[in-house]
Amino acid sequence: MKIKVVIAGGTGFVGQGIIQLLSPEKFEIHSLSRHDYVSRPTDKTIYHVVDLANSSELHNIIADADWVIDAVGILLPKPIKGVTYRNSSYEPAKYLIDQLIKQTNANFLFVSANSGPFFMKPYLNAKRAVEKLMNQSLSGRAYIVYPGIIYDKSRLSSFIPGILLSHLVKVPYFKKLRPISRQSFSLEIQRILNGQHSHLEEKI
């Protein structure tokens, strides 16, 4: 039987990187997002437009999942548009965790962050709040990865800083920023889904 993987934020930059690397022959992949998404013809992912706050809708999708991955989140808030770390990072994770507590044996994999510059403290605080909640609520089923900047050529705003930082990782401060290519990151996620350990599960 295939491993059922549900990715919240599957249409985003990180989520799409994971999806592109998972074999549809081994994994039954479901993506959760707030908006419609036009997939590639070769993409066998099942895309759902879901409000994570709608518990009954969410229940039907994740009830028999083996893994639920939280790849939702924002790097920077947009106060004018009402986009905050709480409503765009913490609350989506809480909706997922609340469902997993009640009804499934699925493992929960959260994409957190290793470190960041001082002005990213609110971002890191939101990540740590989710970590605390999931460790308290999903004992034995909680998995966390701690990447830094995830970069790829498809997004120059991440690619250029990522490449620059990757040449500075021998310096202790920059090592903690932990730059990683989207492909390498996705390979590490695949390792975890296959029951293997990833170095990203350890903070540095």
C-alpha atoms as a PDB file:
ATOM      1  CA  MET A   1       0.000   0.000   0.000  1.00  0.00           C
ATOM      2  CA  LYS A   2       1.098   3.539  -0.670  1.00  0.00           C
ATOM      3  CA  ILE A   3       2.126   5.876   2.134  1.00  0.00           C
ATOM      4  CA  LYS A   4      -0.472   8.637   2.378  1.00  0.00           C
ATOM      5  CA  VAL A   5       1.162  12.032   2.841  1.00  0.00           C
ATOM      6  CA  VAL A   6      -0.861  15.195   3.373  1.00  0.00           C
ATOM      7  CA  ILE A   7       1.073  18.438   2.878  1.00  0.00           C
ATOM      8  CA  ALA A   8      -0.439  21.628   4.271  1.00  0.00           C
ATOM      9  CA  GLY A   9       0.986  24.397   2.121  1.00  0.00           C
ATOM     10  CA  GLY A  10       1.622  21.975  -0.719  1.00  0.00           C
ATOM     11  CA  THR A  11       1.256  24.645  -3.403  1.00  0.00           C
ATOM     12  CA  GLY A  12       3.945  26.848  -1.854  1.00  0.00           C
ATOM     13  CA  PHE A  13       7.661  27.044  -2.551  1.00  0.00           C
ATOM     14  CA  VAL A  14       8.656  24.459   0.082  1.00  0.00           C
ATOM     15  CA  GLY A  15       5.640  22.214  -0.419  1.00  0.00           C
ATOM     16  CA  GLN A  16       6.155  22.003  -4.174  1.00  0.00           C
ATOM     17  CA  GLY A  17       9.781  21.079  -3.654  1.00  0.00           C
ATOM     18  CA  ILE A  18       8.724  18.138  -1.506  1.00  0.00           C
ATOM     19  CA  ILE A  19       6.007  17.032  -3.930  1.00  0.00           C
ATOM     20  CA  GLN A  20       8.350  17.066  -6.924  1.00  0.00           C
ATOM     21  CA  LEU A  21      10.686  14.615  -5.185  1.00  0.00           C
ATOM     22  CA  LEU A  22       8.157  12.092  -3.847  1.00  0.00           C
ATOM     23  CA  SER A  23       7.421   9.135  -6.088  1.00  0.00           C
ATOM     24  CA  PRO A  24       3.683   8.772  -6.833  1.00  0.00           C
ATOM     25  CA  GLU A  25       4.315   5.027  -7.105  1.00  0.00           C
ATOM     26  CA  LYS A  26       5.222   4.896  -3.398  1.00  0.00           C
ATOM     27  CA  PHE A  27       3.338   7.877  -1.975  1.00  0.00           C
ATOM     28  CA  GLU A  28      -0.276   8.981  -2.227  1.00  0.00           C
ATOM     29  CA  ILE A  29       0.207  12.735  -2.035  1.00  0.00           C
ATOM     30  CA  HIS A  30      -2.436  15.250  -1.001  1.00  0.00           C
ATOM     31  CA  SER A  31      -1.933  19.005  -0.925  1.00  0.00           C
ATOM     32  CA  LEU A  32      -3.919  21.416   1.228  1.00  0.00           C
ATOM     33  CA  SER A  33      -4.105  25.088   0.308  1.00  0.00           C
ATOM     34  CA  ARG A  34      -6.497  28.015   0.486  1.00  0.00           C
ATOM     35  CA  HIS A  35      -6.603  28.632  -3.249  1.00  0.00           C
ATOM     36  CA  ASP A  36      -7.007  26.648  -6.468  1.00  0.00           C
ATOM     37  CA  TYR A  37      -3.789  25.435  -8.024  1.00  0.00           C
ATOM     38  CA  VAL A  38      -3.121  24.448 -11.624  1.00  0.00           C
ATOM     39  CA  SER A  39      -0.775  21.469 -11.483  1.00  0.00           C
ATOM     40  CA  ARG A  40       1.573  20.125 -14.133  1.00  0.00           C
ATOM     41  CA  PRO A  41       0.203  17.332 -16.386  1.00  0.00           C
ATOM     42  CA  THR A  42       2.652  14.830 -14.834  1.00  0.00           C
ATOM     43  CA  ASP A  43       1.765  15.784 -11.258  1.00  0.00           C
ATOM     44  CA  LYS A  44      -0.336  13.011  -9.681  1.00  0.00           C
ATOM     45  CA  THR A  45      -0.859  14.950  -6.454  1.00  0.00           C
ATOM     46  CA  ILE A  46      -4.453  15.374  -5.266  1.00  0.00           C
ATOM     47  CA  TYR A  47      -5.029  19.066  -4.582  1.00  0.00           C
ATOM     48  CA  HIS A  48      -7.620  20.219  -2.042  1.00  0.00           C
ATOM     49  CA  VAL A  49      -8.813  23.762  -1.452  1.00  0.00           C
ATOM     50  CA  VAL A  50      -9.300  23.719   2.317  1.00  0.00           C
ATOM     51  CA  ASP A  51      -9.920  26.086   5.177  1.00  0.00           C
ATOM     52  CA  LEU A  52      -7.869  24.487   7.952  1.00  0.00           C
ATOM     53  CA  ALA A  53     -10.274  25.978  10.489  1.00  0.00           C
ATOM     54  CA  ASN A  54     -13.034  23.767   9.013  1.00  0.00           C
ATOM     55  CA  SER A  55     -12.524  20.698  11.181  1.00  0.00           C
ATOM     56  CA  SER A  56     -14.973  18.383   9.381  1.00  0.00           C
ATOM     57  CA  GLU A  57     -13.447  19.105   5.976  1.00  0.00           C
ATOM     58  CA  LEU A  58      -9.944  18.574   7.325  1.00  0.00           C
ATOM     59  CA  HIS A  59     -10.987  15.381   9.104  1.00  0.00           C
ATOM     60  CA  ASN A  60     -12.094  13.699   5.897  1.00  0.00           C
ATOM     61  CA  ILE A  61      -8.709  14.231   4.261  1.00  0.00           C
ATOM     62  CA  ILE A  62      -6.308  13.351   7.078  1.00  0.00           C
ATOM     63  CA  ALA A  63      -8.299  10.650   8.890  1.00  0.00           C
ATOM     64  CA  ASP A  64      -6.326   7.826   7.222  1.00  0.00           C
ATOM     65  CA  ALA A  65      -3.071   9.678   6.567  1.00  0.00           C
ATOM     66  CA  ASP A  66       0.298   8.208   7.495  1.00  0.00           C
ATOM     67  CA  TRP A  67       2.033  11.597   7.555  1.00  0.00           C
ATOM     68  CA  VAL A  68       0.857  15.176   7.805  1.00  0.00           C
ATOM     69  CA  ILE A  69       3.481  17.769   6.886  1.00  0.00           C
ATOM     70  CA  ASP A  70       3.106  21.414   7.869  1.00  0.00           C
ATOM     71  CA  ALA A  71       4.850  23.507   5.217  1.00  0.00           C
ATOM     72  CA  VAL A  72       2.612  26.513   5.877  1.00  0.00           C
ATOM     73  CA  GLY A  73       4.093  29.779   7.030  1.00  0.00           C
ATOM     74  CA  ILE A  74       5.288  33.230   6.168  1.00  0.00           C
ATOM     75  CA  LEU A  75       8.757  34.696   6.335  1.00  0.00           C
ATOM     76  CA  LEU A  76       7.593  38.234   7.039  1.00  0.00           C
ATOM     77  CA  PRO A  77       4.230  39.554   8.260  1.00  0.00           C
ATOM     78  CA  LYS A  78       2.100  42.011   6.297  1.00  0.00           C
ATOM     79  CA  PRO A  79       0.233  44.064   8.917  1.00  0.00           C
ATOM     80  CA  ILE A  80      -1.630  46.162   6.339  1.00  0.00           C
ATOM     81  CA  LYS A  81      -3.143  42.983   4.882  1.00  0.00           C
ATOM     82  CA  GLY A  82      -3.723  41.453   8.311  1.00  0.00           C
ATOM     83  CA  VAL A  83      -1.134  38.720   7.762  1.00  0.00           C
ATOM     84  CA  THR A  84       0.584  37.867  11.038  1.00  0.00           C
ATOM     85  CA  TYR A  85       2.750  35.056  12.363  1.00  0.00           C
ATOM     86  CA  ARG A  86      -0.135  33.984  14.567  1.00  0.00           C
ATOM     87  CA  ASN A  87      -2.779  33.614  11.858  1.00  0.00           C
ATOM     88  CA  SER A  88      -0.400  32.428   9.129  1.00  0.00           C
ATOM     89  CA  SER A  89       2.007  30.159  11.034  1.00  0.00           C
ATOM     90  CA  TYR A  90       0.845  29.237  14.518  1.00  0.00           C
ATOM     91  CA  GLU A  91      -2.917  28.856  14.004  1.00  0.00           C
ATOM     92  CA  PRO A  92      -2.690  26.661  10.850  1.00  0.00           C
ATOM     93  CA  ALA A  93      -0.380  24.307  12.755  1.00  0.00           C
ATOM     94  CA  LYS A  94      -2.745  24.264  15.728  1.00  0.00           C
ATOM     95  CA  TYR A  95      -5.704  23.314  13.513  1.00  0.00           C
ATOM     96  CA  LEU A  96      -3.714  20.366  12.167  1.00  0.00           C
ATOM     97  CA  ILE A  97      -2.501  19.300  15.598  1.00  0.00           C
ATOM     98  CA  ASP A  98      -6.017  19.499  17.065  1.00  0.00           C
ATOM     99  CA  GLN A  99      -7.273  17.133  14.380  1.00  0.00           C
ATOM    100  CA  LEU A 100      -4.399  14.707  14.847  1.00  0.00           C
ATOM    101  CA  ILE A 101      -5.005  14.575  18.598  1.00  0.00           C
ATOM    102  CA  LYS A 102      -8.621  13.572  18.105  1.00  0.00           C
ATOM    103  CA  GLN A 103      -8.694  11.099  15.307  1.00  0.00           C
ATOM    104  CA  THR A 104      -5.607   9.658  13.684  1.00  0.00           C
ATOM    105  CA  ASN A 105      -2.359   7.846  14.281  1.00  0.00           C
ATOM    106  CA  ALA A 106      -0.567   9.909  11.664  1.00  0.00           C
ATOM    107  CA  ASN A 107       2.867  11.326  12.291  1.00  0.00           C
ATOM    108  CA  PHE A 108       3.182  15.111  12.168  1.00  0.00           C
ATOM    109  CA  LEU A 109       6.220  16.711  10.530  1.00  0.00           C
ATOM    110  CA  PHE A 110       6.730  20.419  11.123  1.00  0.00           C
ATOM    111  CA  VAL A 111       9.050  22.607   9.065  1.00  0.00           C
ATOM    112  CA  SER A 112      10.587  24.856  11.703  1.00  0.00           C
ATOM    113  CA  ALA A 113      13.773  26.947  11.529  1.00  0.00           C
ATOM    114  CA  ASN A 114      17.239  26.549  12.974  1.00  0.00           C
ATOM    115  CA  SER A 115      18.087  30.191  13.612  1.00  0.00           C
ATOM    116  CA  GLY A 116      17.881  33.650  12.119  1.00  0.00           C
ATOM    117  CA  PRO A 117      19.099  37.241  12.431  1.00  0.00           C
ATOM    118  CA  PHE A 118      17.887  39.307  15.387  1.00  0.00           C
ATOM    119  CA  PHE A 119      15.047  40.956  13.460  1.00  0.00           C
ATOM    120  CA  MET A 120      13.545  37.500  12.786  1.00  0.00           C
ATOM    121  CA  LYS A 121      12.927  36.811  16.464  1.00  0.00           C
ATOM    122  CA  PRO A 122       9.094  37.027  16.124  1.00  0.00           C
ATOM    123  CA  TYR A 123       9.317  34.496  13.278  1.00  0.00           C
ATOM    124  CA  LEU A 124      11.360  32.125  15.404  1.00  0.00           C
ATOM    125  CA  ASN A 125       9.069  32.640  18.402  1.00  0.00           C
ATOM    126  CA  ALA A 126       6.099  31.482  16.312  1.00  0.00           C
ATOM    127  CA  LYS A 127       8.027  28.388  15.240  1.00  0.00           C
ATOM    128  CA  ARG A 128       9.040  27.569  18.818  1.00  0.00           C
ATOM    129  CA  ALA A 129       5.441  27.972  19.988  1.00  0.00           C
ATOM    130  CA  VAL A 130       4.318  25.323  17.490  1.00  0.00           C
ATOM    131  CA  GLU A 131       7.168  23.041  18.546  1.00  0.00           C
ATOM    132  CA  LYS A 132       6.087  23.292  22.167  1.00  0.00           C
ATOM    133  CA  LEU A 133       2.457  22.587  21.334  1.00  0.00           C
ATOM    134  CA  MET A 134       3.166  19.566  19.160  1.00  0.00           C
ATOM    135  CA  ASN A 135       5.630  18.034  21.603  1.00  0.00           C
ATOM    136  CA  GLN A 136       3.061  18.340  24.369  1.00  0.00           C
ATOM    137  CA  SER A 137       0.153  17.053  22.298  1.00  0.00           C
ATOM    138  CA  LEU A 138       1.597  14.442  19.924  1.00  0.00           C
ATOM    139  CA  SER A 139       4.097  12.519  22.001  1.00  0.00           C
ATOM    140  CA  GLY A 140       5.918   9.988  19.845  1.00  0.00           C
ATOM    141  CA  ARG A 141       4.320  11.301  16.642  1.00  0.00           C
ATOM    142  CA  ALA A 142       5.988  14.719  16.488  1.00  0.00           C
ATOM    143  CA  TYR A 143       8.847  15.289  14.058  1.00  0.00           C
ATOM    144  CA  ILE A 144      10.590  18.624  13.514  1.00  0.00           C
ATOM    145  CA  VAL A 145      13.147  19.730  10.939  1.00  0.00           C
ATOM    146  CA  TYR A 146      15.328  22.795  11.418  1.00  0.00           C
ATOM    147  CA  PRO A 147      16.454  24.206   8.068  1.00  0.00           C
ATOM    148  CA  GLY A 148      17.711  27.695   7.484  1.00  0.00           C
ATOM    149  CA  ILE A 149      17.126  29.557   4.255  1.00  0.00           C
ATOM    150  CA  ILE A 150      15.816  27.153   1.609  1.00  0.00           C
ATOM    151  CA  TYR A 151      16.896  28.263  -1.840  1.00  0.00           C
ATOM    152  CA  ASP A 152      16.298  27.321  -5.447  1.00  0.00           C
ATOM    153  CA  LYS A 153      16.921  28.839  -8.870  1.00  0.00           C
ATOM    154  CA  SER A 154      13.191  29.159  -9.402  1.00  0.00           C
ATOM    155  CA  ARG A 155      13.126  31.888  -6.763  1.00  0.00           C
ATOM    156  CA  LEU A 156      15.988  34.354  -7.110  1.00  0.00           C
ATOM    157  CA  SER A 157      15.065  36.127  -3.872  1.00  0.00           C
ATOM    158  CA  SER A 158      16.119  32.969  -2.033  1.00  0.00           C
ATOM    159  CA  PHE A 159      18.698  31.620  -4.487  1.00  0.00           C
ATOM    160  CA  ILE A 160      21.181  34.486  -4.375  1.00  0.00           C
ATOM    161  CA  PRO A 161      21.268  34.836  -0.538  1.00  0.00           C
ATOM    162  CA  GLY A 162      21.318  31.040  -0.209  1.00  0.00           C
ATOM    163  CA  ILE A 163      24.322  30.634  -2.488  1.00  0.00           C
ATOM    164  CA  LEU A 164      26.174  33.464  -0.738  1.00  0.00           C
ATOM    165  CA  LEU A 165      25.499  32.020   2.716  1.00  0.00           C
ATOM    166  CA  SER A 166      26.482  28.515   1.623  1.00  0.00           C
ATOM    167  CA  HIS A 167      30.004  29.834   1.050  1.00  0.00           C
ATOM    168  CA  LEU A 168      30.136  31.272   4.571  1.00  0.00           C
ATOM    169  CA  VAL A 169      29.025  28.263   6.613  1.00  0.00           C
ATOM    170  CA  LYS A 170      32.500  27.755   8.096  1.00  0.00           C
ATOM    171  CA  VAL A 171      31.887  30.916  10.098  1.00  0.00           C
ATOM    172  CA  PRO A 172      29.927  29.874  13.246  1.00  0.00           C
ATOM    173  CA  TYR A 173      27.289  32.609  12.921  1.00  0.00           C
ATOM    174  CA  PHE A 174      26.502  31.805   9.295  1.00  0.00           C
ATOM    175  CA  LYS A 175      26.566  28.057   9.977  1.00  0.00           C
ATOM    176  CA  LYS A 176      23.540  28.533  12.225  1.00  0.00           C
ATOM    177  CA  LEU A 177      21.655  30.164   9.363  1.00  0.00           C
ATOM    178  CA  ARG A 178      21.933  26.719   7.730  1.00  0.00           C
ATOM    179  CA  PRO A 179      21.352  27.430   4.035  1.00  0.00           C
ATOM    180  CA  ILE A 180      20.094  24.403   2.110  1.00  0.00           C
ATOM    181  CA  SER A 181      18.921  23.927  -1.451  1.00  0.00           C
ATOM    182  CA  ARG A 182      15.270  23.064  -1.929  1.00  0.00           C
ATOM    183  CA  GLN A 183      16.216  19.761  -3.542  1.00  0.00           C
ATOM    184  CA  SER A 184      18.500  18.762  -0.655  1.00  0.00           C
ATOM    185  CA  PHE A 185      15.848  19.784   1.843  1.00  0.00           C
ATOM    186  CA  SER A 186      13.211  17.718   0.051  1.00  0.00           C
ATOM    187  CA  LEU A 187      15.524  14.696   0.001  1.00  0.00           C
ATOM    188  CA  GLU A 188      15.842  14.966   3.786  1.00  0.00           C
ATOM    189  CA  ILE A 189      12.054  15.055   4.128  1.00  0.00           C
ATOM    190  CA  GLN A 190      11.868  11.955   1.957  1.00  0.00           C
ATOM    191  CA  ARG A 191      14.347  10.217   4.274  1.00  0.00           C
ATOM    192  CA  ILE A 192      12.111  10.875   7.270  1.00  0.00           C
ATOM    193  CA  LEU A 193       9.001   9.631   5.456  1.00  0.00           C
ATOM    194  CA  ASN A 194      10.908   6.437   4.683  1.00  0.00           C
ATOM    195  CA  GLY A 195      11.682   5.900   8.367  1.00  0.00           C
ATOM    196  CA  GLN A 196      15.260   7.160   8.268  1.00  0.00           C
ATOM    197  CA  HIS A 197      16.939   9.847  10.354  1.00  0.00           C
ATOM    198  CA  SER A 198      17.777  13.260   8.896  1.00  0.00           C
ATOM    199  CA  HIS A 199      20.486  15.625  10.122  1.00  0.00           C
ATOM    200  CA  LEU A 200      17.870  18.381   9.859  1.00  0.00           C
ATOM    201  CA  GLU A 201      16.139  16.903  12.912  1.00  0.00           C
ATOM    202  CA  GLU A 202      18.978  18.286  15.024  1.00  0.00           C
ATOM    203  CA  LYS A 203      19.433  21.980  15.715  1.00  0.00           C
ATOM    204  CA  ILE A 204      22.931  23.444  15.382  1.00  0.00           C
END
